[in-house]
């Protein structure tokens, strides 16, 4: 996972009469099913993410999600085929909202490739250690192993867009002459993210900034004696 590493509010004056008119129109207008559905959907997202973080994925059920969201379980089954599908969509929505707040996602290009990679890997460490994102990420990664369709969706919608940011940065480094022109950026990026993910997923050792920095050093300079 990749967290961002890198308005003006205008008040509109509304007269009391206009406000009263708008309020009266709103009171007489029939309920908007679309708006009600969106509120329900948002409540379901929040409930799914909250429960997975509190009780874990195995103990999270459709019934529990529905109860916390204040909707009938039939509503959930009408929109999603499984709790994994609910969690997937909720997690994608969480990422989309974060992206909207942060602006465009990109690995910084300061001209110092090592420093840029350390920055983004440290941010990734922070995100993977964040309880808000750790539980749903682990749940989806694990479920994707046994559910091929879910696993493919996880890669397509969550993982691959983030990996492409590394590809873009490494290609810029190739053009600048900072890395070899013959490397495949899609393979090279795995020297950075694969060890990080392995340590986090299997909990082999603590996931720290120092470890992220070491990965950058090893990936860029190799293991041979200098």
C-alpha atoms as a PDB file:
ATOM      1  CA  UNK A   1       0.000   0.000   0.000  1.00  0.00           C
ATOM      2  CA  UNK A   2       1.110   3.622  -0.730  1.00  0.00           C
ATOM      3  CA  UNK A   3       0.151   6.612   1.278  1.00  0.00           C
ATOM      4  CA  UNK A   4       0.584  10.129  -0.144  1.00  0.00           C
ATOM      5  CA  UNK A   5       4.086  11.414   0.496  1.00  0.00           C
ATOM      6  CA  UNK A   6       4.380  14.379  -1.294  1.00  0.00           C
ATOM      7  CA  UNK A   7      -8.821  25.662  -1.338  1.00  0.00           C
ATOM      8  CA  UNK A   8     -10.130  28.163  -0.767  1.00  0.00           C
ATOM      9  CA  UNK A   9     -13.573  28.047   0.884  1.00  0.00           C
ATOM     10  CA  UNK A  10     -16.111  30.609  -0.267  1.00  0.00           C
ATOM     11  CA  UNK A  11     -19.136  31.464   1.819  1.00  0.00           C
ATOM     12  CA  UNK A  12     -22.269  32.220  -0.078  1.00  0.00           C
ATOM     13  CA  UNK A  13     -24.701  34.670   1.519  1.00  0.00           C
ATOM     14  CA  UNK A  14     -28.299  33.501   1.580  1.00  0.00           C
ATOM     15  CA  UNK A  15     -30.993  35.914   2.704  1.00  0.00           C
ATOM     16  CA  UNK A  16     -33.425  34.776   5.436  1.00  0.00           C
ATOM     17  CA  UNK A  17     -36.237  34.791   2.898  1.00  0.00           C
ATOM     18  CA  UNK A  18     -34.299  32.689   0.439  1.00  0.00           C
ATOM     19  CA  UNK A  19     -33.290  30.335   3.199  1.00  0.00           C
ATOM     20  CA  UNK A  20     -36.911  29.971   4.284  1.00  0.00           C
ATOM     21  CA  UNK A  21     -37.970  29.303   0.706  1.00  0.00           C
ATOM     22  CA  UNK A  22     -35.293  26.654   0.234  1.00  0.00           C
ATOM     23  CA  UNK A  23     -36.185  25.067   3.558  1.00  0.00           C
ATOM     24  CA  UNK A  24     -39.856  24.933   2.649  1.00  0.00           C
ATOM     25  CA  UNK A  25     -39.086  23.370  -0.705  1.00  0.00           C
ATOM     26  CA  UNK A  26     -36.884  20.786   0.977  1.00  0.00           C
ATOM     27  CA  UNK A  27     -39.616  19.906   3.447  1.00  0.00           C
ATOM     28  CA  UNK A  28     -42.161  19.409   0.677  1.00  0.00           C
ATOM     29  CA  UNK A  29     -39.819  17.503  -1.616  1.00  0.00           C
ATOM     30  CA  UNK A  30     -40.200  13.709  -1.493  1.00  0.00           C
ATOM     31  CA  UNK A  31     -37.221  11.756  -0.081  1.00  0.00           C
ATOM     32  CA  UNK A  32     -34.417  11.156  -2.522  1.00  0.00           C
ATOM     33  CA  UNK A  33     -33.856   7.363  -2.754  1.00  0.00           C
ATOM     34  CA  UNK A  34     -30.399   7.907  -4.199  1.00  0.00           C
ATOM     35  CA  UNK A  35     -29.309  10.056  -1.289  1.00  0.00           C
ATOM     36  CA  UNK A  36     -30.772   7.586   1.189  1.00  0.00           C
ATOM     37  CA  UNK A  37     -28.964   4.729  -0.559  1.00  0.00           C
ATOM     38  CA  UNK A  38     -25.693   6.640  -0.430  1.00  0.00           C
ATOM     39  CA  UNK A  39     -26.092   7.214   3.307  1.00  0.00           C
ATOM     40  CA  UNK A  40     -26.753   3.506   3.809  1.00  0.00           C
ATOM     41  CA  UNK A  41     -23.786   2.555   1.659  1.00  0.00           C
ATOM     42  CA  UNK A  42     -21.497   4.871   3.614  1.00  0.00           C
ATOM     43  CA  UNK A  43     -22.761   3.447   6.905  1.00  0.00           C
ATOM     44  CA  UNK A  44     -22.074  -0.074   5.650  1.00  0.00           C
ATOM     45  CA  UNK A  45     -18.538   0.876   4.601  1.00  0.00           C
ATOM     46  CA  UNK A  46     -17.811   2.363   8.017  1.00  0.00           C
ATOM     47  CA  UNK A  47     -19.337  -0.608   9.802  1.00  0.00           C
ATOM     48  CA  UNK A  48     -17.322  -3.156   7.817  1.00  0.00           C
ATOM     49  CA  UNK A  49     -14.014  -1.359   8.340  1.00  0.00           C
ATOM     50  CA  UNK A  50     -14.741  -0.781  12.006  1.00  0.00           C
ATOM     51  CA  UNK A  51     -15.675  -4.370  12.739  1.00  0.00           C
ATOM     52  CA  UNK A  52     -12.688  -5.847  10.952  1.00  0.00           C
ATOM     53  CA  UNK A  53     -10.433  -3.587  12.980  1.00  0.00           C
ATOM     54  CA  UNK A  54     -12.145  -4.452  16.270  1.00  0.00           C
ATOM     55  CA  UNK A  55     -12.955  -8.160  16.088  1.00  0.00           C
ATOM     56  CA  UNK A  56     -10.994  -9.362  13.063  1.00  0.00           C
ATOM     57  CA  UNK A  57     -12.123 -10.579   9.683  1.00  0.00           C
ATOM     58  CA  UNK A  58     -13.212 -14.126  10.685  1.00  0.00           C
ATOM     59  CA  UNK A  59     -15.624 -12.801  13.338  1.00  0.00           C
ATOM     60  CA  UNK A  60     -17.017 -10.063  11.109  1.00  0.00           C
ATOM     61  CA  UNK A  61     -20.356 -11.148   9.636  1.00  0.00           C
ATOM     62  CA  UNK A  62     -22.921  -9.670   7.302  1.00  0.00           C
ATOM     63  CA  UNK A  63     -25.383  -9.646  10.197  1.00  0.00           C
ATOM     64  CA  UNK A  64     -22.964  -7.687  12.386  1.00  0.00           C
ATOM     65  CA  UNK A  65     -22.232  -5.206   9.594  1.00  0.00           C
ATOM     66  CA  UNK A  66     -25.956  -4.689   8.995  1.00  0.00           C
ATOM     67  CA  UNK A  67     -26.659  -4.201  12.704  1.00  0.00           C
ATOM     68  CA  UNK A  68     -23.938  -1.616  13.135  1.00  0.00           C
ATOM     69  CA  UNK A  69     -24.881   0.202   9.922  1.00  0.00           C
ATOM     70  CA  UNK A  70     -28.559   0.249  10.874  1.00  0.00           C
ATOM     71  CA  UNK A  71     -29.715  -1.529   7.724  1.00  0.00           C
ATOM     72  CA  UNK A  72     -31.283  -4.878   6.972  1.00  0.00           C
ATOM     73  CA  UNK A  73     -28.952  -7.656   5.907  1.00  0.00           C
ATOM     74  CA  UNK A  74     -31.064  -7.997   2.763  1.00  0.00           C
ATOM     75  CA  UNK A  75     -29.806  -4.563   1.756  1.00  0.00           C
ATOM     76  CA  UNK A  76     -26.222  -5.764   1.953  1.00  0.00           C
ATOM     77  CA  UNK A  77     -26.912  -8.973   0.041  1.00  0.00           C
ATOM     78  CA  UNK A  78     -28.690  -6.943  -2.636  1.00  0.00           C
ATOM     79  CA  UNK A  79     -25.534  -4.884  -3.219  1.00  0.00           C
ATOM     80  CA  UNK A  80     -22.711  -7.359  -2.478  1.00  0.00           C
ATOM     81  CA  UNK A  81     -22.307 -11.140  -2.770  1.00  0.00           C
ATOM     82  CA  UNK A  82     -20.107 -11.565   0.325  1.00  0.00           C
ATOM     83  CA  UNK A  83     -18.507  -9.806   3.267  1.00  0.00           C
ATOM     84  CA  UNK A  84     -15.206  -9.855   1.374  1.00  0.00           C
ATOM     85  CA  UNK A  85     -16.830  -7.863  -1.429  1.00  0.00           C
ATOM     86  CA  UNK A  86     -18.192  -5.378   1.112  1.00  0.00           C
ATOM     87  CA  UNK A  87     -14.753  -4.943   2.672  1.00  0.00           C
ATOM     88  CA  UNK A  88     -13.078  -4.589  -0.705  1.00  0.00           C
ATOM     89  CA  UNK A  89     -15.391  -1.799  -1.792  1.00  0.00           C
ATOM     90  CA  UNK A  90     -15.167  -0.113   1.612  1.00  0.00           C
ATOM     91  CA  UNK A  91     -11.373  -0.179   1.493  1.00  0.00           C
ATOM     92  CA  UNK A  92     -11.285   1.183  -2.058  1.00  0.00           C
ATOM     93  CA  UNK A  93     -13.612   3.961  -0.958  1.00  0.00           C
ATOM     94  CA  UNK A  94     -11.337   4.718   1.999  1.00  0.00           C
ATOM     95  CA  UNK A  95      -8.397   5.056  -0.377  1.00  0.00           C
ATOM     96  CA  UNK A  96     -10.358   7.226  -2.785  1.00  0.00           C
ATOM     97  CA  UNK A  97     -11.364   9.600  -0.017  1.00  0.00           C
ATOM     98  CA  UNK A  98      -7.771   9.852   1.164  1.00  0.00           C
ATOM     99  CA  UNK A  99      -6.662  10.580  -2.397  1.00  0.00           C
ATOM    100  CA  UNK A 100      -9.260  13.328  -2.774  1.00  0.00           C
ATOM    101  CA  UNK A 101      -8.019  14.999   0.394  1.00  0.00           C
ATOM    102  CA  UNK A 102      -4.338  14.661  -0.464  1.00  0.00           C
ATOM    103  CA  UNK A 103      -4.528  15.502  -4.151  1.00  0.00           C
ATOM    104  CA  UNK A 104      -2.653  13.660  -6.877  1.00  0.00           C
ATOM    105  CA  UNK A 105      -0.661  10.645  -5.746  1.00  0.00           C
ATOM    106  CA  UNK A 106       2.892  10.418  -6.996  1.00  0.00           C
ATOM    107  CA  UNK A 107       6.299   9.370  -5.773  1.00  0.00           C
ATOM    108  CA  UNK A 108       8.269  12.595  -5.398  1.00  0.00           C
ATOM    109  CA  UNK A 109      10.922  13.387  -7.985  1.00  0.00           C
ATOM    110  CA  UNK A 110      13.452  15.632  -6.305  1.00  0.00           C
ATOM    111  CA  UNK A 111      16.311  14.453  -8.463  1.00  0.00           C
ATOM    112  CA  UNK A 112      17.585  12.219  -5.654  1.00  0.00           C
ATOM    113  CA  UNK A 113      16.204   8.742  -6.362  1.00  0.00           C
ATOM    114  CA  UNK A 114      17.401   7.173  -3.126  1.00  0.00           C
ATOM    115  CA  UNK A 115      15.878   9.925  -1.008  1.00  0.00           C
ATOM    116  CA  UNK A 116      12.594   9.743  -2.930  1.00  0.00           C
ATOM    117  CA  UNK A 117      12.358   5.975  -2.501  1.00  0.00           C
ATOM    118  CA  UNK A 118      13.162   6.210   1.204  1.00  0.00           C
ATOM    119  CA  UNK A 119      10.394   8.771   1.588  1.00  0.00           C
ATOM    120  CA  UNK A 120       7.752   6.628  -0.067  1.00  0.00           C
ATOM    121  CA  UNK A 121       8.799   3.381   1.621  1.00  0.00           C
ATOM    122  CA  UNK A 122       8.778   5.047   5.024  1.00  0.00           C
ATOM    123  CA  UNK A 123       5.272   6.298   4.312  1.00  0.00           C
ATOM    124  CA  UNK A 124       4.285   2.772   3.316  1.00  0.00           C
ATOM    125  CA  UNK A 125       5.666   1.440   6.583  1.00  0.00           C
ATOM    126  CA  UNK A 126       3.570   3.969   8.479  1.00  0.00           C
ATOM    127  CA  UNK A 127       0.441   2.975   6.589  1.00  0.00           C
ATOM    128  CA  UNK A 128       0.967  -0.752   7.032  1.00  0.00           C
ATOM    129  CA  UNK A 129       1.463  -0.191  10.762  1.00  0.00           C
ATOM    130  CA  UNK A 130      -1.651   1.995  11.022  1.00  0.00           C
ATOM    131  CA  UNK A 131      -4.499   0.030  12.685  1.00  0.00           C
ATOM    132  CA  UNK A 132      -7.052   1.758  10.440  1.00  0.00           C
ATOM    133  CA  UNK A 133      -5.584   0.209   7.297  1.00  0.00           C
ATOM    134  CA  UNK A 134      -3.668  -2.799   8.625  1.00  0.00           C
ATOM    135  CA  UNK A 135      -6.646  -5.013   9.483  1.00  0.00           C
ATOM    136  CA  UNK A 136      -8.569  -4.637   6.194  1.00  0.00           C
ATOM    137  CA  UNK A 137      -5.381  -4.933   4.145  1.00  0.00           C
ATOM    138  CA  UNK A 138      -4.417  -8.182   5.877  1.00  0.00           C
ATOM    139  CA  UNK A 139      -7.949  -9.526   5.536  1.00  0.00           C
ATOM    140  CA  UNK A 140      -8.155  -8.817   1.815  1.00  0.00           C
ATOM    141  CA  UNK A 141      -4.656 -10.150   1.148  1.00  0.00           C
ATOM    142  CA  UNK A 142      -5.415 -13.381   2.987  1.00  0.00           C
ATOM    143  CA  UNK A 143      -8.868 -13.823   1.453  1.00  0.00           C
ATOM    144  CA  UNK A 144      -7.439 -13.168  -1.992  1.00  0.00           C
ATOM    145  CA  UNK A 145      -5.212 -16.223  -1.646  1.00  0.00           C
ATOM    146  CA  UNK A 146      -8.175 -18.597  -1.425  1.00  0.00           C
ATOM    147  CA  UNK A 147     -10.566 -16.553  -3.573  1.00  0.00           C
ATOM    148  CA  UNK A 148      -8.935 -16.103  -6.974  1.00  0.00           C
ATOM    149  CA  UNK A 149     -11.517 -13.606  -8.215  1.00  0.00           C
ATOM    150  CA  UNK A 150     -11.159 -11.444  -5.125  1.00  0.00           C
ATOM    151  CA  UNK A 151      -7.380 -11.711  -5.348  1.00  0.00           C
ATOM    152  CA  UNK A 152      -7.427 -10.505  -8.940  1.00  0.00           C
ATOM    153  CA  UNK A 153      -9.660  -7.581  -7.984  1.00  0.00           C
ATOM    154  CA  UNK A 154      -7.334  -6.729  -5.084  1.00  0.00           C
ATOM    155  CA  UNK A 155      -4.377  -6.580  -7.457  1.00  0.00           C
ATOM    156  CA  UNK A 156      -6.215  -4.680 -10.191  1.00  0.00           C
ATOM    157  CA  UNK A 157      -7.932  -2.059  -8.076  1.00  0.00           C
ATOM    158  CA  UNK A 158      -5.627  -1.620  -5.085  1.00  0.00           C
ATOM    159  CA  UNK A 159      -2.152  -2.916  -5.741  1.00  0.00           C
ATOM    160  CA  UNK A 160      -1.378  -2.322  -9.398  1.00  0.00           C
ATOM    161  CA  UNK A 161      -2.212   1.423  -9.472  1.00  0.00           C
ATOM    162  CA  UNK A 162       0.269   1.942  -6.645  1.00  0.00           C
ATOM    163  CA  UNK A 163       2.951  -0.174  -8.270  1.00  0.00           C
ATOM    164  CA  UNK A 164       2.638   1.902 -11.415  1.00  0.00           C
ATOM    165  CA  UNK A 165       3.779   4.920  -9.412  1.00  0.00           C
ATOM    166  CA  UNK A 166       7.093   3.145  -8.859  1.00  0.00           C
ATOM    167  CA  UNK A 167       7.300   2.339 -12.555  1.00  0.00           C
ATOM    168  CA  UNK A 168       6.827   6.002 -13.422  1.00  0.00           C
ATOM    169  CA  UNK A 169       9.512   7.148 -10.971  1.00  0.00           C
ATOM    170  CA  UNK A 170      12.013   4.491 -12.073  1.00  0.00           C
ATOM    171  CA  UNK A 171      11.500   5.349 -15.736  1.00  0.00           C
ATOM    172  CA  UNK A 172      12.197   8.981 -14.919  1.00  0.00           C
ATOM    173  CA  UNK A 173      15.377   7.819 -13.194  1.00  0.00           C
ATOM    174  CA  UNK A 174      16.338   5.883 -16.329  1.00  0.00           C
ATOM    175  CA  UNK A 175      15.854   8.971 -18.456  1.00  0.00           C
ATOM    176  CA  UNK A 176      18.001  10.954 -16.029  1.00  0.00           C
ATOM    177  CA  UNK A 177      20.739   8.319 -16.145  1.00  0.00           C
ATOM    178  CA  UNK A 178      20.380   7.443 -12.465  1.00  0.00           C
ATOM    179  CA  UNK A 179      19.716   3.750 -13.088  1.00  0.00           C
ATOM    180  CA  UNK A 180      20.629   1.369 -15.886  1.00  0.00           C
ATOM    181  CA  UNK A 181      18.688   1.808 -19.088  1.00  0.00           C
ATOM    182  CA  UNK A 182      18.243  -1.949 -19.561  1.00  0.00           C
ATOM    183  CA  UNK A 183      16.384  -2.696 -16.338  1.00  0.00           C
ATOM    184  CA  UNK A 184      12.688  -3.555 -16.308  1.00  0.00           C
ATOM    185  CA  UNK A 185      11.082  -1.101 -13.834  1.00  0.00           C
ATOM    186  CA  UNK A 186       8.249  -3.543 -13.145  1.00  0.00           C
ATOM    187  CA  UNK A 187      10.765  -6.106 -11.902  1.00  0.00           C
ATOM    188  CA  UNK A 188      13.006  -3.570 -10.184  1.00  0.00           C
ATOM    189  CA  UNK A 189      10.203  -2.194  -8.028  1.00  0.00           C
ATOM    190  CA  UNK A 190       9.699  -5.658  -6.527  1.00  0.00           C
ATOM    191  CA  UNK A 191      13.166  -5.416  -4.994  1.00  0.00           C
ATOM    192  CA  UNK A 192      11.674  -2.633  -2.888  1.00  0.00           C
ATOM    193  CA  UNK A 193       8.080  -3.561  -2.138  1.00  0.00           C
ATOM    194  CA  UNK A 194       8.238  -7.373  -2.048  1.00  0.00           C
ATOM    195  CA  UNK A 195      10.566  -7.654   0.987  1.00  0.00           C
ATOM    196  CA  UNK A 196       8.574  -4.987   2.784  1.00  0.00           C
ATOM    197  CA  UNK A 197       5.305  -6.802   2.164  1.00  0.00           C
ATOM    198  CA  UNK A 198       6.816 -10.179   3.081  1.00  0.00           C
ATOM    199  CA  UNK A 199       8.034  -8.919   6.479  1.00  0.00           C
ATOM    200  CA  UNK A 200       4.709  -7.227   7.190  1.00  0.00           C
ATOM    201  CA  UNK A 201       2.463 -10.060   6.052  1.00  0.00           C
ATOM    202  CA  UNK A 202       4.327 -12.828   7.860  1.00  0.00           C
ATOM    203  CA  UNK A 203       5.430 -10.675  10.805  1.00  0.00           C
ATOM    204  CA  UNK A 204       8.948 -12.071  10.580  1.00  0.00           C
ATOM    205  CA  UNK A 205      10.551  -8.929  12.056  1.00  0.00           C
ATOM    206  CA  UNK A 206       9.413  -5.404  13.003  1.00  0.00           C
ATOM    207  CA  UNK A 207       8.523  -3.116  10.113  1.00  0.00           C
ATOM    208  CA  UNK A 208      10.532   0.061  10.639  1.00  0.00           C
ATOM    209  CA  UNK A 209      11.882   3.093   8.813  1.00  0.00           C
ATOM    210  CA  UNK A 210      15.396   1.715   9.247  1.00  0.00           C
ATOM    211  CA  UNK A 211      14.359  -1.428   7.400  1.00  0.00           C
ATOM    212  CA  UNK A 212      12.811   0.628   4.598  1.00  0.00           C
ATOM    213  CA  UNK A 213      16.038   2.632   4.255  1.00  0.00           C
ATOM    214  CA  UNK A 214      18.085  -0.584   4.093  1.00  0.00           C
ATOM    215  CA  UNK A 215      15.883  -1.941   1.302  1.00  0.00           C
ATOM    216  CA  UNK A 216      16.527   1.163  -0.774  1.00  0.00           C
ATOM    217  CA  UNK A 217      20.272   0.845  -0.219  1.00  0.00           C
ATOM    218  CA  UNK A 218      20.328  -2.844  -1.125  1.00  0.00           C
ATOM    219  CA  UNK A 219      18.090  -2.381  -4.173  1.00  0.00           C
ATOM    220  CA  UNK A 220      20.097   0.509  -5.599  1.00  0.00           C
ATOM    221  CA  UNK A 221      23.605  -0.682  -4.716  1.00  0.00           C
ATOM    222  CA  UNK A 222      23.268  -4.464  -4.610  1.00  0.00           C
ATOM    223  CA  UNK A 223      25.042  -6.962  -2.397  1.00  0.00           C
ATOM    224  CA  UNK A 224      28.429  -7.168  -4.098  1.00  0.00           C
ATOM    225  CA  UNK A 225      31.431  -5.537  -2.443  1.00  0.00           C
ATOM    226  CA  UNK A 226      31.938  -1.961  -3.534  1.00  0.00           C
END
